[in-house]
């Protein structure tokens, strides 16, 4: 598998990412993707970024997975891309208006819906528990907390 990505903070990424583009390259990079995974935070630049223009730029048969922020995707444009056959399918963990999920999505065989819990794995729960243990230990040792929000 070849992984490409976009990020606003620069072109560096993990070793498994073959190319890191900037946000203005999204449509160019998306046209070659078999799968697009939305992990974007919600900002003024990402609100509605996965829209009609974006879905039109994808090659036929691509899949769209959204675990970022729901309002980054224009739901009506996603549904239109699914209904037209442009998208082969979608995996959706987040929605523009939660907890409300548009009824039409339940009727599409090409859509997998999750109740906004993509990060709820055994591994993430164990990591969260370990973080609590580490922070409590740091607190009682007079050390800085690992995840202090200032």
C-alpha atoms as a PDB file:
ATOM      1  CA  UNK A   1       0.000   0.000   0.000  1.00  0.00           C
ATOM      2  CA  UNK A   2       1.206   3.490  -0.796  1.00  0.00           C
ATOM      3  CA  UNK A   3       0.141   6.154   1.704  1.00  0.00           C
ATOM      4  CA  UNK A   4      -0.055   9.832   0.839  1.00  0.00           C
ATOM      5  CA  UNK A   5      -1.232  12.542   3.172  1.00  0.00           C
ATOM      6  CA  UNK A   6      -1.861  16.230   3.464  1.00  0.00           C
ATOM      7  CA  UNK A   7      -1.162  18.385   6.459  1.00  0.00           C
ATOM      8  CA  UNK A   8      -1.095  22.070   7.165  1.00  0.00           C
ATOM      9  CA  UNK A   9       2.054  21.984   9.323  1.00  0.00           C
ATOM     10  CA  UNK A  10       4.523  20.916   6.642  1.00  0.00           C
ATOM     11  CA  UNK A  11       5.690  18.082   4.468  1.00  0.00           C
ATOM     12  CA  UNK A  12       7.195  15.777   7.086  1.00  0.00           C
ATOM     13  CA  UNK A  13       5.438  12.619   8.167  1.00  0.00           C
ATOM     14  CA  UNK A  14       5.976   9.094   9.444  1.00  0.00           C
ATOM     15  CA  UNK A  15       8.205   6.711   7.497  1.00  0.00           C
ATOM     16  CA  UNK A  16       5.226   4.788   6.093  1.00  0.00           C
ATOM     17  CA  UNK A  17       3.914   7.920   4.319  1.00  0.00           C
ATOM     18  CA  UNK A  18       5.416   8.133   0.855  1.00  0.00           C
ATOM     19  CA  UNK A  19       4.364  11.735   0.207  1.00  0.00           C
ATOM     20  CA  UNK A  20       3.048  14.543   2.419  1.00  0.00           C
ATOM     21  CA  UNK A  21       1.302  17.299   0.530  1.00  0.00           C
ATOM     22  CA  UNK A  22      -0.004  20.646   1.636  1.00  0.00           C
ATOM     23  CA  UNK A  23      -3.756  21.388   1.861  1.00  0.00           C
ATOM     24  CA  UNK A  24      -3.844  23.005  -1.588  1.00  0.00           C
ATOM     25  CA  UNK A  25      -2.826  19.618  -3.066  1.00  0.00           C
ATOM     26  CA  UNK A  26      -5.830  17.722  -1.667  1.00  0.00           C
ATOM     27  CA  UNK A  27      -7.805  17.508  -4.909  1.00  0.00           C
ATOM     28  CA  UNK A  28      -4.741  16.581  -6.958  1.00  0.00           C
ATOM     29  CA  UNK A  29      -3.773  13.806  -4.546  1.00  0.00           C
ATOM     30  CA  UNK A  30      -7.338  12.545  -4.095  1.00  0.00           C
ATOM     31  CA  UNK A  31      -7.729  11.754  -7.797  1.00  0.00           C
ATOM     32  CA  UNK A  32      -5.315   8.810  -7.463  1.00  0.00           C
ATOM     33  CA  UNK A  33      -6.609   7.456  -4.145  1.00  0.00           C
ATOM     34  CA  UNK A  34      -8.436   4.172  -3.730  1.00  0.00           C
ATOM     35  CA  UNK A  35      -9.298   5.138  -0.155  1.00  0.00           C
ATOM     36  CA  UNK A  36      -9.497   8.589   1.413  1.00  0.00           C
ATOM     37  CA  UNK A  37      -9.497   8.744   5.197  1.00  0.00           C
ATOM     38  CA  UNK A  38     -10.654  11.993   6.763  1.00  0.00           C
ATOM     39  CA  UNK A  39      -8.861  12.538  10.085  1.00  0.00           C
ATOM     40  CA  UNK A  40      -8.997  16.329   9.846  1.00  0.00           C
ATOM     41  CA  UNK A  41      -9.696  18.574  12.815  1.00  0.00           C
ATOM     42  CA  UNK A  42     -12.517  21.084  12.410  1.00  0.00           C
ATOM     43  CA  UNK A  43     -11.167  24.500  11.480  1.00  0.00           C
ATOM     44  CA  UNK A  44     -12.382  27.266   9.230  1.00  0.00           C
ATOM     45  CA  UNK A  45     -10.226  25.716   6.469  1.00  0.00           C
ATOM     46  CA  UNK A  46     -11.603  22.174   6.903  1.00  0.00           C
ATOM     47  CA  UNK A  47     -15.297  22.944   7.394  1.00  0.00           C
ATOM     48  CA  UNK A  48     -17.049  21.513   4.332  1.00  0.00           C
ATOM     49  CA  UNK A  49     -13.773  20.561   2.613  1.00  0.00           C
ATOM     50  CA  UNK A  50     -15.142  17.153   1.585  1.00  0.00           C
ATOM     51  CA  UNK A  51     -17.741  18.538  -0.780  1.00  0.00           C
ATOM     52  CA  UNK A  52     -19.074  18.121  -4.334  1.00  0.00           C
ATOM     53  CA  UNK A  53     -15.785  19.328  -5.856  1.00  0.00           C
ATOM     54  CA  UNK A  54     -13.795  16.929  -3.704  1.00  0.00           C
ATOM     55  CA  UNK A  55     -15.991  13.910  -4.485  1.00  0.00           C
ATOM     56  CA  UNK A  56     -15.930  14.782  -8.200  1.00  0.00           C
ATOM     57  CA  UNK A  57     -12.117  14.734  -8.094  1.00  0.00           C
ATOM     58  CA  UNK A  58     -12.012  11.114  -6.880  1.00  0.00           C
ATOM     59  CA  UNK A  59     -11.566   8.296  -9.309  1.00  0.00           C
ATOM     60  CA  UNK A  60     -14.624   6.096  -9.789  1.00  0.00           C
ATOM     61  CA  UNK A  61     -14.796   3.295  -7.257  1.00  0.00           C
ATOM     62  CA  UNK A  62     -12.953   5.088  -4.468  1.00  0.00           C
ATOM     63  CA  UNK A  63     -13.948   4.713  -0.830  1.00  0.00           C
ATOM     64  CA  UNK A  64     -14.318   7.507   1.727  1.00  0.00           C
ATOM     65  CA  UNK A  65     -13.773   6.934   5.445  1.00  0.00           C
ATOM     66  CA  UNK A  66     -14.509   9.718   7.910  1.00  0.00           C
ATOM     67  CA  UNK A  67     -13.219   9.620  11.478  1.00  0.00           C
ATOM     68  CA  UNK A  68     -12.229  13.299  11.695  1.00  0.00           C
ATOM     69  CA  UNK A  69     -14.910  15.889  12.309  1.00  0.00           C
ATOM     70  CA  UNK A  70     -18.388  15.508  10.862  1.00  0.00           C
ATOM     71  CA  UNK A  71     -18.779  19.074   9.656  1.00  0.00           C
ATOM     72  CA  UNK A  72     -15.728  18.669   7.430  1.00  0.00           C
ATOM     73  CA  UNK A  73     -17.980  16.632   5.125  1.00  0.00           C
ATOM     74  CA  UNK A  74     -20.944  18.055   3.237  1.00  0.00           C
ATOM     75  CA  UNK A  75     -23.379  15.216   3.844  1.00  0.00           C
ATOM     76  CA  UNK A  76     -25.639  15.953   0.860  1.00  0.00           C
ATOM     77  CA  UNK A  77     -22.603  15.907  -1.470  1.00  0.00           C
ATOM     78  CA  UNK A  78     -21.394  12.608   0.040  1.00  0.00           C
ATOM     79  CA  UNK A  79     -24.834  11.055  -0.416  1.00  0.00           C
ATOM     80  CA  UNK A  80     -24.976  12.284  -4.021  1.00  0.00           C
ATOM     81  CA  UNK A  81     -21.543  10.738  -4.737  1.00  0.00           C
ATOM     82  CA  UNK A  82     -22.691   7.441  -3.211  1.00  0.00           C
ATOM     83  CA  UNK A  83     -26.001   7.431  -5.093  1.00  0.00           C
ATOM     84  CA  UNK A  84     -24.312   8.223  -8.392  1.00  0.00           C
ATOM     85  CA  UNK A  85     -21.901   5.317  -7.993  1.00  0.00           C
ATOM     86  CA  UNK A  86     -18.888   7.652  -8.056  1.00  0.00           C
ATOM     87  CA  UNK A  87     -17.999   6.378  -4.587  1.00  0.00           C
ATOM     88  CA  UNK A  88     -17.919   2.628  -4.081  1.00  0.00           C
ATOM     89  CA  UNK A  89     -18.646   3.092  -0.402  1.00  0.00           C
ATOM     90  CA  UNK A  90     -18.121   4.999   2.791  1.00  0.00           C
ATOM     91  CA  UNK A  91     -17.282   4.261   6.398  1.00  0.00           C
ATOM     92  CA  UNK A  92     -18.646   6.982   8.662  1.00  0.00           C
ATOM     93  CA  UNK A  93     -17.888   7.441  12.347  1.00  0.00           C
ATOM     94  CA  UNK A  94     -18.741  11.156  12.527  1.00  0.00           C
ATOM     95  CA  UNK A  95     -21.596  13.255  11.230  1.00  0.00           C
ATOM     96  CA  UNK A  96     -22.317  16.948  10.730  1.00  0.00           C
ATOM     97  CA  UNK A  97     -25.190  16.917  13.221  1.00  0.00           C
ATOM     98  CA  UNK A  98     -24.571  14.401  15.960  1.00  0.00           C
ATOM     99  CA  UNK A  99     -26.140  12.319  17.234  1.00  0.00           C
ATOM    100  CA  UNK A 100     -28.578  12.678  14.321  1.00  0.00           C
ATOM    101  CA  UNK A 101     -27.617  10.585  11.301  1.00  0.00           C
ATOM    102  CA  UNK A 102     -29.448  11.246   8.024  1.00  0.00           C
ATOM    103  CA  UNK A 103     -31.951   8.401   7.545  1.00  0.00           C
ATOM    104  CA  UNK A 104     -30.912   7.848   3.924  1.00  0.00           C
ATOM    105  CA  UNK A 105     -27.493   6.617   5.108  1.00  0.00           C
ATOM    106  CA  UNK A 106     -29.135   3.678   6.893  1.00  0.00           C
ATOM    107  CA  UNK A 107     -30.633   2.540   3.588  1.00  0.00           C
ATOM    108  CA  UNK A 108     -27.363   2.499   1.604  1.00  0.00           C
ATOM    109  CA  UNK A 109     -25.710  -0.916   1.381  1.00  0.00           C
ATOM    110  CA  UNK A 110     -22.429   0.789   0.518  1.00  0.00           C
ATOM    111  CA  UNK A 111     -22.186   2.614   3.855  1.00  0.00           C
ATOM    112  CA  UNK A 112     -20.884   1.373   7.195  1.00  0.00           C
ATOM    113  CA  UNK A 113     -22.006   3.523  10.117  1.00  0.00           C
ATOM    114  CA  UNK A 114     -20.309   3.703  13.502  1.00  0.00           C
ATOM    115  CA  UNK A 115     -21.623   5.625  16.531  1.00  0.00           C
ATOM    116  CA  UNK A 116     -18.672   8.052  16.832  1.00  0.00           C
ATOM    117  CA  UNK A 117     -16.415   5.582  18.537  1.00  0.00           C
ATOM    118  CA  UNK A 118     -13.616   4.869  16.084  1.00  0.00           C
ATOM    119  CA  UNK A 119     -11.062   5.355  18.828  1.00  0.00           C
ATOM    120  CA  UNK A 120     -12.861   3.028  21.258  1.00  0.00           C
ATOM    121  CA  UNK A 121     -10.555   0.043  20.888  1.00  0.00           C
ATOM    122  CA  UNK A 122      -9.094  -2.125  23.604  1.00  0.00           C
ATOM    123  CA  UNK A 123      -5.678  -0.663  22.820  1.00  0.00           C
ATOM    124  CA  UNK A 124      -6.784   2.962  23.137  1.00  0.00           C
ATOM    125  CA  UNK A 125      -8.652   2.273  26.384  1.00  0.00           C
ATOM    126  CA  UNK A 126      -5.560   0.553  27.791  1.00  0.00           C
ATOM    127  CA  UNK A 127      -3.379   3.487  26.701  1.00  0.00           C
ATOM    128  CA  UNK A 128      -5.791   5.945  28.363  1.00  0.00           C
ATOM    129  CA  UNK A 129      -5.704   3.911  31.569  1.00  0.00           C
ATOM    130  CA  UNK A 130      -1.920   3.832  31.512  1.00  0.00           C
ATOM    131  CA  UNK A 131      -1.846   7.594  30.983  1.00  0.00           C
ATOM    132  CA  UNK A 132      -3.969   8.092  34.106  1.00  0.00           C
ATOM    133  CA  UNK A 133      -1.628   5.844  36.103  1.00  0.00           C
ATOM    134  CA  UNK A 134       1.438   7.689  34.782  1.00  0.00           C
ATOM    135  CA  UNK A 135      -0.070  11.114  35.529  1.00  0.00           C
ATOM    136  CA  UNK A 136      -1.069  10.126  39.078  1.00  0.00           C
ATOM    137  CA  UNK A 137       2.459   8.801  39.677  1.00  0.00           C
ATOM    138  CA  UNK A 138       3.970  12.010  38.252  1.00  0.00           C
ATOM    139  CA  UNK A 139       1.713  14.150  40.429  1.00  0.00           C
ATOM    140  CA  UNK A 140       2.708  12.372  43.645  1.00  0.00           C
ATOM    141  CA  UNK A 141       6.384  12.489  42.620  1.00  0.00           C
ATOM    142  CA  UNK A 142       6.127  16.263  42.158  1.00  0.00           C
ATOM    143  CA  UNK A 143       6.752  15.991  38.436  1.00  0.00           C
ATOM    144  CA  UNK A 144       4.963  17.669  35.542  1.00  0.00           C
ATOM    145  CA  UNK A 145       1.909  15.855  34.226  1.00  0.00           C
ATOM    146  CA  UNK A 146       2.297  14.253  30.819  1.00  0.00           C
ATOM    147  CA  UNK A 147      -0.894  15.787  29.431  1.00  0.00           C
ATOM    148  CA  UNK A 148      -1.379  19.033  31.304  1.00  0.00           C
ATOM    149  CA  UNK A 149      -3.685  21.504  29.604  1.00  0.00           C
ATOM    150  CA  UNK A 150      -2.622  25.031  30.402  1.00  0.00           C
END
